[in-house]
Amino acid sequence: MSSQEEILSDGRFSRVARDPRFWEMPEKERKVKIDKRFRAMFHDKKFKLRYTVDKRGRPVNFSSTENLRKFYALSESDSDFSESEEHTEKQKKIKKKKKGKGEADS
Protein backbone atom coordinates (compact mmCIF):
# COMPACT_ATOMS: atom_id res chain seq x y z
CA MET A 1 0.00 0.00 0.00
CA SER A 2 1.08 3.58 -0.60
CA SER A 3 1.92 5.89 2.24
CA GLN A 4 -0.30 8.83 3.16
CA GLU A 5 2.18 11.36 1.71
CA GLU A 6 2.15 9.66 -1.68
CA ILE A 7 -1.63 9.71 -1.76
CA LEU A 8 -1.84 13.40 -0.87
CA SER A 9 0.87 14.32 -3.38
CA ASP A 10 -1.13 12.65 -6.15
CA GLY A 11 -2.94 15.33 -8.17
CA ARG A 12 -6.22 13.47 -8.11
CA PHE A 13 -6.40 13.58 -4.31
CA SER A 14 -4.62 16.86 -3.55
CA ARG A 15 -7.84 18.71 -2.72
CA VAL A 16 -8.59 16.30 0.13
CA ALA A 17 -5.92 17.92 2.30
CA ARG A 18 -7.34 21.42 1.72
CA ASP A 19 -11.05 20.61 1.96
CA PRO A 20 -12.47 21.16 5.48
CA ARG A 21 -15.02 18.38 4.96
CA PHE A 22 -12.23 15.83 5.28
CA TRP A 23 -10.45 17.36 8.28
CA GLU A 24 -10.53 15.47 11.56
CA MET A 25 -12.84 16.96 14.13
CA PRO A 26 -11.08 18.48 17.17
CA GLU A 27 -11.51 16.69 20.51
CA LYS A 28 -13.22 19.71 22.10
CA GLU A 29 -15.92 19.76 19.42
CA ARG A 30 -16.23 15.98 19.17
CA LYS A 31 -17.73 15.44 22.60
CA VAL A 32 -21.23 16.62 23.45
CA LYS A 33 -21.30 18.97 26.44
CA ILE A 34 -23.82 18.09 29.11
CA ASP A 35 -24.69 20.02 32.24
CA LYS A 36 -24.82 19.03 35.89
CA ARG A 37 -28.32 17.56 35.64
CA PHE A 38 -26.92 14.56 33.78
CA ARG A 39 -23.61 14.04 35.61
CA ALA A 40 -25.07 11.08 37.51
CA MET A 41 -24.90 8.95 34.38
CA PHE A 42 -21.11 8.77 34.72
CA HIS A 43 -21.21 7.04 38.12
CA ASP A 44 -24.75 5.73 38.65
CA LYS A 45 -25.12 1.95 38.58
CA LYS A 46 -28.29 2.22 36.47
CA PHE A 47 -26.20 3.44 33.54
CA LYS A 48 -23.43 0.87 33.87
CA LEU A 49 -23.54 -2.27 31.75
CA ARG A 50 -20.73 -4.80 31.52
CA TYR A 51 -20.12 -6.21 28.07
CA THR A 52 -18.55 -9.63 27.60
CA VAL A 53 -18.57 -9.68 23.79
CA ASP A 54 -18.51 -6.93 21.19
CA LYS A 55 -20.94 -6.59 18.29
CA ARG A 56 -18.95 -9.13 16.27
CA GLY A 57 -18.84 -11.73 19.04
CA ARG A 58 -15.25 -11.18 20.15
CA PRO A 59 -14.65 -11.29 23.92
CA VAL A 60 -14.04 -7.89 25.54
CA ASN A 61 -13.77 -6.42 29.01
CA PHE A 62 -15.76 -3.25 28.46
CA SER A 63 -18.45 -1.20 30.21
CA SER A 64 -20.95 1.34 28.95
CA THR A 65 -19.53 4.07 31.20
CA GLU A 66 -16.38 4.07 29.08
CA ASN A 67 -18.58 4.77 26.06
CA LEU A 68 -20.28 7.61 27.91
CA ARG A 69 -16.93 9.21 28.73
CA LYS A 70 -15.88 8.80 25.11
CA PHE A 71 -18.86 10.67 23.65
CA TYR A 72 -19.95 13.06 26.43
CA ALA A 73 -18.14 15.69 28.47
CA LEU A 74 -19.37 17.74 31.39
CA SER A 75 -19.61 21.46 30.77
CA GLU A 76 -16.65 23.50 32.02
CA SER A 77 -18.28 24.71 35.24
CA ASP A 78 -19.49 21.21 36.11
CA SER A 79 -16.28 19.32 35.35
CA ASP A 80 -14.48 20.83 38.37
CA PHE A 81 -17.38 19.81 40.59
CA SER A 82 -17.47 16.28 39.22
CA GLU A 83 -13.74 15.76 39.78
CA SER A 84 -14.06 16.76 43.42
CA GLU A 85 -17.15 14.55 43.72
CA GLU A 86 -15.26 11.56 42.30
CA HIS A 87 -12.42 12.23 44.74
CA THR A 88 -14.80 12.17 47.72
CA GLU A 89 -16.42 8.95 46.44
CA LYS A 90 -12.99 7.29 46.25
CA GLN A 91 -12.25 8.40 49.81
CA LYS A 92 -15.56 6.92 50.99
CA LYS A 93 -14.73 3.59 49.31
CA ILE A 94 -11.31 3.54 50.98
CA LYS A 95 -12.88 4.23 54.38
CA LYS A 96 -15.42 1.42 53.86
CA LYS A 97 -12.63 -1.00 52.96
CA LYS A 98 -10.65 -0.03 56.05
CA LYS A 99 -13.76 -0.32 58.21
CA GLY A 100 -14.54 -3.74 56.72
CA LYS A 101 -11.02 -4.99 57.38
CA GLY A 102 -11.16 -3.72 60.97
CA GLU A 103 -14.41 -5.61 61.61
CA ALA A 104 -12.98 -8.79 60.09
CA ASP A 105 -9.93 -8.59 62.40
CA SER A 106 -12.10 -8.25 65.55
PDB file of N, CA and C in Angstrom:
ATOM      1  N   MET A   1       0.827  -1.184   0.000  1.00  0.00           N
ATOM      2  CA  MET A   1       0.000   0.000   0.000  1.00  0.00           C
ATOM      3  C   MET A   1       0.873   1.249   0.000  1.00  0.00           C
ATOM      4  N   SER A   2       0.361   2.312  -0.551  1.00  0.00           N
ATOM      5  CA  SER A   2       1.081   3.582  -0.600  1.00  0.00           C
ATOM      6  C   SER A   2       0.963   4.300   0.725  1.00  0.00           C
ATOM      7  N   SER A   3       1.965   5.116   1.001  1.00  0.00           N
ATOM      8  CA  SER A   3       1.919   5.892   2.239  1.00  0.00           C
ATOM      9  C   SER A   3       0.979   7.084   2.056  1.00  0.00           C
ATOM     10  N   GLN A   4       0.639   7.707   3.171  1.00  0.00           N
ATOM     11  CA  GLN A   4      -0.295   8.832   3.161  1.00  0.00           C
ATOM     12  C   GLN A   4       0.267  10.007   2.362  1.00  0.00           C
ATOM     13  N   GLU A   5       1.577  10.240   2.432  1.00  0.00           N
ATOM     14  CA  GLU A   5       2.177  11.360   1.709  1.00  0.00           C
ATOM     15  C   GLU A   5       2.054  11.166   0.197  1.00  0.00           C
ATOM     16  N   GLU A   6       2.249   9.938  -0.243  1.00  0.00           N
ATOM     17  CA  GLU A   6       2.147   9.662  -1.678  1.00  0.00           C
ATOM     18  C   GLU A   6       0.723   9.886  -2.177  1.00  0.00           C
ATOM     19  N   ILE A   7      -0.236   9.528  -1.363  1.00  0.00           N
ATOM     20  CA  ILE A   7      -1.634   9.710  -1.758  1.00  0.00           C
ATOM     21  C   ILE A   7      -1.968  11.188  -1.854  1.00  0.00           C
ATOM     22  N   LEU A   8      -1.528  11.969  -0.868  1.00  0.00           N
ATOM     23  CA  LEU A   8      -1.836  13.399  -0.867  1.00  0.00           C
ATOM     24  C   LEU A   8      -1.071  14.149  -1.944  1.00  0.00           C
ATOM     25  N   SER A   9       0.104  13.649  -2.337  1.00  0.00           N
ATOM     26  CA  SER A   9       0.866  14.325  -3.382  1.00  0.00           C
ATOM     27  C   SER A   9       0.301  14.019  -4.774  1.00  0.00           C
ATOM     28  N   ASP A  10      -0.495  12.982  -4.883  1.00  0.00           N
ATOM     29  CA  ASP A  10      -1.131  12.652  -6.148  1.00  0.00           C
ATOM     30  C   ASP A  10      -2.125  13.760  -6.510  1.00  0.00           C
ATOM     31  N   GLY A  11      -2.102  14.216  -7.726  1.00  0.00           N
ATOM     32  CA  GLY A  11      -2.937  15.331  -8.170  1.00  0.00           C
ATOM     33  C   GLY A  11      -4.423  15.052  -8.042  1.00  0.00           C
ATOM     34  N   ARG A  12      -4.801  13.817  -8.192  1.00  0.00           N
ATOM     35  CA  ARG A  12      -6.224  13.473  -8.109  1.00  0.00           C
ATOM     36  C   ARG A  12      -6.783  13.662  -6.701  1.00  0.00           C
ATOM     37  N   PHE A  13      -5.932  13.516  -5.689  1.00  0.00           N
ATOM     38  CA  PHE A  13      -6.400  13.582  -4.314  1.00  0.00           C
ATOM     39  C   PHE A  13      -5.859  14.790  -3.555  1.00  0.00           C
ATOM     40  N   SER A  14      -5.254  15.733  -4.233  1.00  0.00           N
ATOM     41  CA  SER A  14      -4.624  16.858  -3.546  1.00  0.00           C
ATOM     42  C   SER A  14      -5.637  17.752  -2.844  1.00  0.00           C
ATOM     43  N   ARG A  15      -6.854  17.831  -3.351  1.00  0.00           N
ATOM     44  CA  ARG A  15      -7.841  18.710  -2.720  1.00  0.00           C
ATOM     45  C   ARG A  15      -8.350  18.162  -1.391  1.00  0.00           C
ATOM     46  N   VAL A  16      -8.129  16.887  -1.126  1.00  0.00           N
ATOM     47  CA  VAL A  16      -8.587  16.300   0.130  1.00  0.00           C
ATOM     48  C   VAL A  16      -7.904  16.971   1.316  1.00  0.00           C
ATOM     49  N   ALA A  17      -6.649  17.295   1.198  1.00  0.00           N
ATOM     50  CA  ALA A  17      -5.918  17.922   2.299  1.00  0.00           C
ATOM     51  C   ALA A  17      -6.387  19.343   2.566  1.00  0.00           C
ATOM     52  N   ARG A  18      -6.901  20.028   1.558  1.00  0.00           N
ATOM     53  CA  ARG A  18      -7.338  21.416   1.715  1.00  0.00           C
ATOM     54  C   ARG A  18      -8.815  21.542   2.039  1.00  0.00           C
ATOM     55  N   ASP A  19      -9.596  20.528   1.787  1.00  0.00           N
ATOM     56  CA  ASP A  19     -11.046  20.606   1.957  1.00  0.00           C
ATOM     57  C   ASP A  19     -11.432  20.369   3.424  1.00  0.00           C
ATOM     58  N   PRO A  20     -12.112  21.324   4.064  1.00  0.00           N
ATOM     59  CA  PRO A  20     -12.466  21.164   5.482  1.00  0.00           C
ATOM     60  C   PRO A  20     -13.420  19.999   5.753  1.00  0.00           C
ATOM     61  N   ARG A  21     -14.109  19.518   4.745  1.00  0.00           N
ATOM     62  CA  ARG A  21     -15.019  18.385   4.955  1.00  0.00           C
ATOM     63  C   ARG A  21     -14.268  17.126   5.359  1.00  0.00           C
ATOM     64  N   PHE A  22     -13.002  17.031   5.005  1.00  0.00           N
ATOM     65  CA  PHE A  22     -12.227  15.830   5.275  1.00  0.00           C
ATOM     66  C   PHE A  22     -11.286  15.982   6.472  1.00  0.00           C
ATOM     67  N   TRP A  23     -11.293  17.151   7.121  1.00  0.00           N
ATOM     68  CA  TRP A  23     -10.446  17.364   8.278  1.00  0.00           C
ATOM     69  C   TRP A  23     -10.994  16.586   9.460  1.00  0.00           C
ATOM     70  N   GLU A  24     -10.098  16.162  10.352  1.00  0.00           N
ATOM     71  CA  GLU A  24     -10.527  15.467  11.555  1.00  0.00           C
ATOM     72  C   GLU A  24     -11.111  16.472  12.532  1.00  0.00           C
ATOM     73  N   MET A  25     -12.164  16.074  13.196  1.00  0.00           N
ATOM     74  CA  MET A  25     -12.841  16.959  14.128  1.00  0.00           C
ATOM     75  C   MET A  25     -12.026  17.087  15.413  1.00  0.00           C
ATOM     76  N   PRO A  26     -11.839  18.305  15.934  1.00  0.00           N
ATOM     77  CA  PRO A  26     -11.080  18.480  17.175  1.00  0.00           C
ATOM     78  C   PRO A  26     -11.772  17.806  18.359  1.00  0.00           C
ATOM     79  N   GLU A  27     -10.990  17.406  19.342  1.00  0.00           N
ATOM     80  CA  GLU A  27     -11.512  16.692  20.510  1.00  0.00           C
ATOM     81  C   GLU A  27     -12.537  17.534  21.272  1.00  0.00           C
ATOM     82  N   LYS A  28     -12.301  18.836  21.372  1.00  0.00           N
ATOM     83  CA  LYS A  28     -13.223  19.709  22.098  1.00  0.00           C
ATOM     84  C   LYS A  28     -14.601  19.730  21.447  1.00  0.00           C
ATOM     85  N   GLU A  29     -14.646  19.707  20.129  1.00  0.00           N
ATOM     86  CA  GLU A  29     -15.919  19.758  19.424  1.00  0.00           C
ATOM     87  C   GLU A  29     -16.540  18.380  19.254  1.00  0.00           C
ATOM     88  N   ARG A  30     -15.749  17.345  19.400  1.00  0.00           N
ATOM     89  CA  ARG A  30     -16.231  15.983  19.167  1.00  0.00           C
ATOM     90  C   ARG A  30     -17.194  15.517  20.252  1.00  0.00           C
ATOM     91  N   LYS A  31     -16.903  15.876  21.483  1.00  0.00           N
ATOM     92  CA  LYS A  31     -17.732  15.435  22.596  1.00  0.00           C
ATOM     93  C   LYS A  31     -18.894  16.390  22.812  1.00  0.00           C
ATOM     94  N   VAL A  32     -20.043  15.830  23.161  1.00  0.00           N
ATOM     95  CA  VAL A  32     -21.228  16.615  23.447  1.00  0.00           C
ATOM     96  C   VAL A  32     -21.141  17.100  24.885  1.00  0.00           C
ATOM     97  N   LYS A  33     -21.346  18.400  25.101  1.00  0.00           N
ATOM     98  CA  LYS A  33     -21.296  18.975  26.440  1.00  0.00           C
ATOM     99  C   LYS A  33     -22.645  18.765  27.120  1.00  0.00           C
ATOM    100  N   ILE A  34     -22.591  18.246  28.333  1.00  0.00           N
ATOM    101  CA  ILE A  34     -23.816  18.091  29.110  1.00  0.00           C
ATOM    102  C   ILE A  34     -23.658  18.853  30.417  1.00  0.00           C
ATOM    103  N   ASP A  35     -24.776  19.242  31.014  1.00  0.00           N
ATOM    104  CA  ASP A  35     -24.691  20.022  32.242  1.00  0.00           C
ATOM    105  C   ASP A  35     -24.842  19.125  33.469  1.00  0.00           C
ATOM    106  N   LYS A  36     -24.877  19.756  34.635  1.00  0.00           N
ATOM    107  CA  LYS A  36     -24.822  19.025  35.894  1.00  0.00           C
ATOM    108  C   LYS A  36     -26.047  18.150  36.138  1.00  0.00           C
ATOM    109  N   ARG A  37     -27.139  18.389  35.444  1.00  0.00           N
ATOM    110  CA  ARG A  37     -28.325  17.560  35.639  1.00  0.00           C
ATOM    111  C   ARG A  37     -28.076  16.115  35.239  1.00  0.00           C
ATOM    112  N   PHE A  38     -27.149  15.894  34.309  1.00  0.00           N
ATOM    113  CA  PHE A  38     -26.920  14.558  33.784  1.00  0.00           C
ATOM    114  C   PHE A  38     -25.592  13.955  34.228  1.00  0.00           C
ATOM    115  N   ARG A  39     -24.920  14.560  35.195  1.00  0.00           N
ATOM    116  CA  ARG A  39     -23.614  14.044  35.615  1.00  0.00           C
ATOM    117  C   ARG A  39     -23.720  12.701  36.324  1.00  0.00           C
ATOM    118  N   ALA A  40     -24.900  12.356  36.813  1.00  0.00           N
ATOM    119  CA  ALA A  40     -25.074  11.078  37.510  1.00  0.00           C
ATOM    120  C   ALA A  40     -24.865   9.891  36.576  1.00  0.00           C
ATOM    121  N   MET A  41     -25.046  10.087  35.298  1.00  0.00           N
ATOM    122  CA  MET A  41     -24.904   8.954  34.376  1.00  0.00           C
ATOM    123  C   MET A  41     -23.470   8.452  34.278  1.00  0.00           C
ATOM    124  N   PHE A  42     -22.501   9.216  34.749  1.00  0.00           N
ATOM    125  CA  PHE A  42     -21.113   8.768  34.725  1.00  0.00           C
ATOM    126  C   PHE A  42     -20.793   7.814  35.873  1.00  0.00           C
ATOM    127  N   HIS A  43     -21.533   7.884  36.982  1.00  0.00           N
ATOM    128  CA  HIS A  43     -21.208   7.044  38.121  1.00  0.00           C
ATOM    129  C   HIS A  43     -22.388   6.251  38.681  1.00  0.00           C
ATOM    130  N   ASP A  44     -23.569   6.449  38.169  1.00  0.00           N
ATOM    131  CA  ASP A  44     -24.746   5.733  38.651  1.00  0.00           C
ATOM    132  C   ASP A  44     -24.752   4.298  38.127  1.00  0.00           C
ATOM    133  N   LYS A  45     -25.117   3.360  38.972  1.00  0.00           N
ATOM    134  CA  LYS A  45     -25.116   1.945  38.581  1.00  0.00           C
ATOM    135  C   LYS A  45     -26.187   1.631  37.544  1.00  0.00           C
ATOM    136  N   LYS A  46     -27.223   2.449  37.457  1.00  0.00           N
ATOM    137  CA  LYS A  46     -28.285   2.219  36.474  1.00  0.00           C
ATOM    138  C   LYS A  46     -27.776   2.380  35.044  1.00  0.00           C
ATOM    139  N   PHE A  47     -26.736   3.173  34.870  1.00  0.00           N
ATOM    140  CA  PHE A  47     -26.199   3.441  33.540  1.00  0.00           C
ATOM    141  C   PHE A  47     -25.027   2.539  33.186  1.00  0.00           C
ATOM    142  N   LYS A  48     -24.624   1.676  34.104  1.00  0.00           N
ATOM    143  CA  LYS A  48     -23.428   0.869  33.870  1.00  0.00           C
ATOM    144  C   LYS A  48     -23.815  -0.538  33.427  1.00  0.00           C
ATOM    145  N   LEU A  49     -23.356  -0.916  32.263  1.00  0.00           N
ATOM    146  CA  LEU A  49     -23.538  -2.266  31.746  1.00  0.00           C
ATOM    147  C   LEU A  49     -22.168  -2.855  31.463  1.00  0.00           C
ATOM    148  N   ARG A  50     -21.983  -4.121  31.808  1.00  0.00           N
ATOM    149  CA  ARG A  50     -20.726  -4.802  31.517  1.00  0.00           C
ATOM    150  C   ARG A  50     -20.928  -5.642  30.264  1.00  0.00           C
ATOM    151  N   TYR A  51     -20.053  -5.429  29.289  1.00  0.00           N
ATOM    152  CA  TYR A  51     -20.121  -6.206  28.065  1.00  0.00           C
ATOM    153  C   TYR A  51     -19.095  -7.327  28.121  1.00  0.00           C
ATOM    154  N   THR A  52     -19.488  -8.515  27.661  1.00  0.00           N
ATOM    155  CA  THR A  52     -18.552  -9.632  27.604  1.00  0.00           C
ATOM    156  C   THR A  52     -18.095  -9.896  26.180  1.00  0.00           C
ATOM    157  N   VAL A  53     -18.941  -9.531  25.202  1.00  0.00           N
ATOM    158  CA  VAL A  53     -18.573  -9.681  23.794  1.00  0.00           C
ATOM    159  C   VAL A  53     -18.931  -8.398  23.057  1.00  0.00           C
ATOM    160  N   ASP A  54     -18.189  -8.101  21.987  1.00  0.00           N
ATOM    161  CA  ASP A  54     -18.514  -6.929  21.187  1.00  0.00           C
ATOM    162  C   ASP A  54     -19.560  -7.297  20.139  1.00  0.00           C
ATOM    163  N   LYS A  55     -19.863  -6.356  19.253  1.00  0.00           N
ATOM    164  CA  LYS A  55     -20.936  -6.590  18.290  1.00  0.00           C
ATOM    165  C   LYS A  55     -20.603  -7.679  17.274  1.00  0.00           C
ATOM    166  N   ARG A  56     -19.344  -8.062  17.195  1.00  0.00           N
ATOM    167  CA  ARG A  56     -18.951  -9.133  16.272  1.00  0.00           C
ATOM    168  C   ARG A  56     -18.701 -10.455  16.987  1.00  0.00           C
ATOM    169  N   GLY A  57     -18.969 -10.501  18.285  1.00  0.00           N
ATOM    170  CA  GLY A  57     -18.838 -11.731  19.040  1.00  0.00           C
ATOM    171  C   GLY A  57     -17.476 -11.982  19.654  1.00  0.00           C
ATOM    172  N   ARG A  58     -16.570 -11.020  19.549  1.00  0.00           N
ATOM    173  CA  ARG A  58     -15.245 -11.177  20.150  1.00  0.00           C
ATOM    174  C   ARG A  58     -15.314 -10.849  21.633  1.00  0.00           C
ATOM    175  N   PRO A  59     -14.609 -11.577  22.474  1.00  0.00           N
ATOM    176  CA  PRO A  59     -14.649 -11.291  23.923  1.00  0.00           C
ATOM    177  C   PRO A  59     -13.959  -9.970  24.252  1.00  0.00           C
ATOM    178  N   VAL A  60     -14.588  -9.176  25.108  1.00  0.00           N
ATOM    179  CA  VAL A  60     -14.037  -7.893  25.537  1.00  0.00           C
ATOM    180  C   VAL A  60     -14.298  -7.710  27.025  1.00  0.00           C
ATOM    181  N   ASN A  61     -13.556  -6.833  27.628  1.00  0.00           N
ATOM    182  CA  ASN A  61     -13.769  -6.418  29.007  1.00  0.00           C
ATOM    183  C   ASN A  61     -14.088  -4.932  28.943  1.00  0.00           C
ATOM    184  N   PHE A  62     -15.354  -4.598  28.798  1.00  0.00           N
ATOM    185  CA  PHE A  62     -15.758  -3.248  28.461  1.00  0.00           C
ATOM    186  C   PHE A  62     -17.044  -2.900  29.192  1.00  0.00           C
ATOM    187  N   SER A  63     -17.212  -1.637  29.580  1.00  0.00           N
ATOM    188  CA  SER A  63     -18.453  -1.197  30.213  1.00  0.00           C
ATOM    189  C   SER A  63     -19.011   0.005  29.471  1.00  0.00           C
ATOM    190  N   SER A  64     -20.293   0.241  29.655  1.00  0.00           N
ATOM    191  CA  SER A  64     -20.947   1.336  28.949  1.00  0.00           C
ATOM    192  C   SER A  64     -20.497   2.697  29.462  1.00  0.00           C
ATOM    193  N   THR A  65     -19.991   2.774  30.686  1.00  0.00           N
ATOM    194  CA  THR A  65     -19.531   4.068  31.199  1.00  0.00           C
ATOM    195  C   THR A  65     -18.317   4.567  30.422  1.00  0.00           C
ATOM    196  N   GLU A  66     -17.508   3.649  29.907  1.00  0.00           N
ATOM    197  CA  GLU A  66     -16.379   4.066  29.076  1.00  0.00           C
ATOM    198  C   GLU A  66     -16.885   4.706  27.788  1.00  0.00           C
ATOM    199  N   ASN A  67     -17.962   4.171  27.244  1.00  0.00           N
ATOM    200  CA  ASN A  67     -18.576   4.768  26.061  1.00  0.00           C
ATOM    201  C   ASN A  67     -19.118   6.150  26.373  1.00  0.00           C
ATOM    202  N   LEU A  68     -19.744   6.313  27.529  1.00  0.00           N
ATOM    203  CA  LEU A  68     -20.285   7.611  27.909  1.00  0.00           C
ATOM    204  C   LEU A  68     -19.172   8.649  28.009  1.00  0.00           C
ATOM    205  N   ARG A  69     -18.061   8.272  28.609  1.00  0.00           N
ATOM    206  CA  ARG A  69     -16.933   9.211  28.726  1.00  0.00           C
ATOM    207  C   ARG A  69     -16.320   9.516  27.366  1.00  0.00           C
ATOM    208  N   LYS A  70     -16.442   8.604  26.440  1.00  0.00           N
ATOM    209  CA  LYS A  70     -15.881   8.797  25.109  1.00  0.00           C
ATOM    210  C   LYS A  70     -16.683   9.836  24.317  1.00  0.00           C
ATOM    211  N   PHE A  71     -18.006   9.821  24.469  1.00  0.00           N
ATOM    212  CA  PHE A  71     -18.861  10.667  23.646  1.00  0.00           C
ATOM    213  C   PHE A  71     -19.395  11.909  24.352  1.00  0.00           C
ATOM    214  N   TYR A  72     -19.393  11.927  25.683  1.00  0.00           N
ATOM    215  CA  TYR A  72     -19.950  13.056  26.425  1.00  0.00           C
ATOM    216  C   TYR A  72     -18.896  13.661  27.335  1.00  0.00           C
ATOM    217  N   ALA A  73     -19.020  14.975  27.544  1.00  0.00           N
ATOM    218  CA  ALA A  73     -18.136  15.687  28.470  1.00  0.00           C
ATOM    219  C   ALA A  73     -18.992  16.638  29.285  1.00  0.00           C
ATOM    220  N   LEU A  74     -18.659  16.782  30.556  1.00  0.00           N
ATOM    221  CA  LEU A  74     -19.368  17.744  31.388  1.00  0.00           C
ATOM    222  C   LEU A  74     -18.998  19.149  30.963  1.00  0.00           C
ATOM    223  N   SER A  75     -19.919  20.076  31.113  1.00  0.00           N
ATOM    224  CA  SER A  75     -19.612  21.462  30.771  1.00  0.00           C
ATOM    225  C   SER A  75     -18.518  21.963  31.698  1.00  0.00           C
ATOM    226  N   GLU A  76     -17.835  23.007  31.313  1.00  0.00           N
ATOM    227  CA  GLU A  76     -16.645  23.496  32.016  1.00  0.00           C
ATOM    228  C   GLU A  76     -16.904  23.752  33.498  1.00  0.00           C
ATOM    229  N   SER A  77     -18.011  24.387  33.840  1.00  0.00           N
ATOM    230  CA  SER A  77     -18.277  24.705  35.238  1.00  0.00           C
ATOM    231  C   SER A  77     -18.574  23.451  36.042  1.00  0.00           C
ATOM    232  N   ASP A  78     -19.120  22.426  35.406  1.00  0.00           N
ATOM    233  CA  ASP A  78     -19.485  21.208  36.114  1.00  0.00           C
ATOM    234  C   ASP A  78     -18.342  20.222  36.215  1.00  0.00           C
ATOM    235  N   SER A  79     -17.357  20.298  35.333  1.00  0.00           N
ATOM    236  CA  SER A  79     -16.279  19.317  35.352  1.00  0.00           C
ATOM    237  C   SER A  79     -15.441  19.441  36.626  1.00  0.00           C
ATOM    238  N   ASP A  80     -15.233  20.658  37.130  1.00  0.00           N
ATOM    239  CA  ASP A  80     -14.484  20.830  38.372  1.00  0.00           C
ATOM    240  C   ASP A  80     -15.241  20.195  39.535  1.00  0.00           C
ATOM    241  N   PHE A  81     -16.548  20.375  39.533  1.00  0.00           N
ATOM    242  CA  PHE A  81     -17.379  19.809  40.590  1.00  0.00           C
ATOM    243  C   PHE A  81     -17.365  18.294  40.538  1.00  0.00           C
ATOM    244  N   SER A  82     -17.426  17.736  39.354  1.00  0.00           N
ATOM    245  CA  SER A  82     -17.474  16.280  39.221  1.00  0.00           C
ATOM    246  C   SER A  82     -16.153  15.646  39.644  1.00  0.00           C
ATOM    247  N   GLU A  83     -15.035  16.295  39.368  1.00  0.00           N
ATOM    248  CA  GLU A  83     -13.743  15.761  39.779  1.00  0.00           C
ATOM    249  C   GLU A  83     -13.639  15.711  41.296  1.00  0.00           C
ATOM    250  N   SER A  84     -14.104  16.762  41.969  1.00  0.00           N
ATOM    251  CA  SER A  84     -14.059  16.760  43.424  1.00  0.00           C
ATOM    252  C   SER A  84     -15.035  15.738  43.979  1.00  0.00           C
ATOM    253  N   GLU A  85     -16.165  15.549  43.305  1.00  0.00           N
ATOM    254  CA  GLU A  85     -17.150  14.554  43.720  1.00  0.00           C
ATOM    255  C   GLU A  85     -16.574  13.151  43.599  1.00  0.00           C
ATOM    256  N   GLU A  86     -15.879  12.869  42.499  1.00  0.00           N
ATOM    257  CA  GLU A  86     -15.260  11.563  42.305  1.00  0.00           C
ATOM    258  C   GLU A  86     -14.195  11.318  43.369  1.00  0.00           C
ATOM    259  N   HIS A  87     -13.460  12.363  43.727  1.00  0.00           N
ATOM    260  CA  HIS A  87     -12.416  12.232  44.741  1.00  0.00           C
ATOM    261  C   HIS A  87     -13.033  11.857  46.087  1.00  0.00           C
ATOM    262  N   THR A  88     -14.155  12.492  46.453  1.00  0.00           N
ATOM    263  CA  THR A  88     -14.803  12.171  47.721  1.00  0.00           C
ATOM    264  C   THR A  88     -15.387  10.760  47.699  1.00  0.00           C
ATOM    265  N   GLU A  89     -15.891  10.312  46.550  1.00  0.00           N
ATOM    266  CA  GLU A  89     -16.416   8.948  46.443  1.00  0.00           C
ATOM    267  C   GLU A  89     -15.296   7.931  46.634  1.00  0.00           C
ATOM    268  N   LYS A  90     -14.123   8.193  46.082  1.00  0.00           N
ATOM    269  CA  LYS A  90     -12.990   7.292  46.253  1.00  0.00           C
ATOM    270  C   LYS A  90     -12.583   7.225  47.715  1.00  0.00           C
ATOM    271  N   GLN A  91     -12.604   8.374  48.395  1.00  0.00           N
ATOM    272  CA  GLN A  91     -12.250   8.396  49.807  1.00  0.00           C
ATOM    273  C   GLN A  91     -13.255   7.590  50.625  1.00  0.00           C
ATOM    274  N   LYS A  92     -14.544   7.680  50.279  1.00  0.00           N
ATOM    275  CA  LYS A  92     -15.564   6.919  50.989  1.00  0.00           C
ATOM    276  C   LYS A  92     -15.340   5.421  50.797  1.00  0.00           C
ATOM    277  N   LYS A  93     -14.986   4.999  49.583  1.00  0.00           N
ATOM    278  CA  LYS A  93     -14.735   3.588  49.314  1.00  0.00           C
ATOM    279  C   LYS A  93     -13.541   3.084  50.120  1.00  0.00           C
ATOM    280  N   ILE A  94     -12.503   3.918  50.209  1.00  0.00           N
ATOM    281  CA  ILE A  94     -11.308   3.535  50.975  1.00  0.00           C
ATOM    282  C   ILE A  94     -11.669   3.389  52.451  1.00  0.00           C
ATOM    283  N   LYS A  95     -12.478   4.308  52.983  1.00  0.00           N
ATOM    284  CA  LYS A  95     -12.885   4.235  54.379  1.00  0.00           C
ATOM    285  C   LYS A  95     -13.712   2.981  54.643  1.00  0.00           C
ATOM    286  N   LYS A  96     -14.604   2.622  53.696  1.00  0.00           N
ATOM    287  CA  LYS A  96     -15.417   1.423  53.856  1.00  0.00           C
ATOM    288  C   LYS A  96     -14.541   0.175  53.869  1.00  0.00           C
ATOM    289  N   LYS A  97     -13.531   0.145  53.000  1.00  0.00           N
ATOM    290  CA  LYS A  97     -12.634  -1.001  52.957  1.00  0.00           C
ATOM    291  C   LYS A  97     -11.870  -1.135  54.272  1.00  0.00           C
ATOM    292  N   LYS A  98     -11.373  -0.004  54.789  1.00  0.00           N
ATOM    293  CA  LYS A  98     -10.646  -0.033  56.054  1.00  0.00           C
ATOM    294  C   LYS A  98     -11.556  -0.464  57.195  1.00  0.00           C
ATOM    295  N   LYS A  99     -12.801   0.027  57.173  1.00  0.00           N
ATOM    296  CA  LYS A  99     -13.761  -0.317  58.214  1.00  0.00           C
ATOM    297  C   LYS A  99     -14.111  -1.807  58.141  1.00  0.00           C
ATOM    298  N   GLY A 100     -14.256  -2.327  56.919  1.00  0.00           N
ATOM    299  CA  GLY A 100     -14.542  -3.743  56.718  1.00  0.00           C
ATOM    300  C   GLY A 100     -13.411  -4.619  57.188  1.00  0.00           C
ATOM    301  N   LYS A 101     -12.177  -4.227  56.945  1.00  0.00           N
ATOM    302  CA  LYS A 101     -11.024  -4.988  57.383  1.00  0.00           C
ATOM    303  C   LYS A 101     -10.912  -4.969  58.896  1.00  0.00           C
ATOM    304  N   GLY A 102     -11.221  -3.840  59.516  1.00  0.00           N
ATOM    305  CA  GLY A 102     -11.159  -3.717  60.973  1.00  0.00           C
ATOM    306  C   GLY A 102     -12.187  -4.618  61.644  1.00  0.00           C
ATOM    307  N   GLU A 103     -13.381  -4.750  61.060  1.00  0.00           N
ATOM    308  CA  GLU A 103     -14.410  -5.615  61.609  1.00  0.00           C
ATOM    309  C   GLU A 103     -14.030  -7.073  61.438  1.00  0.00           C
ATOM    310  N   ALA A 104     -13.381  -7.404  60.345  1.00  0.00           N
ATOM    311  CA  ALA A 104     -12.976  -8.790  60.094  1.00  0.00           C
ATOM    312  C   ALA A 104     -11.883  -9.202  61.062  1.00  0.00           C
ATOM    313  N   ASP A 105     -11.011  -8.286  61.473  1.00  0.00           N
ATOM    314  CA  ASP A 105      -9.933  -8.592  62.403  1.00  0.00           C
ATOM    315  C   ASP A 105     -10.468  -8.806  63.813  1.00  0.00           C
ATOM    316  N   SER A 106     -11.568  -8.160  64.196  1.00  0.00           N
ATOM    317  CA  SER A 106     -12.100  -8.248  65.550  1.00  0.00           C
ATOM    318  C   SER A 106     -12.659  -9.602  65.895  1.00  0.00           C
TER     319      SER A 106
END
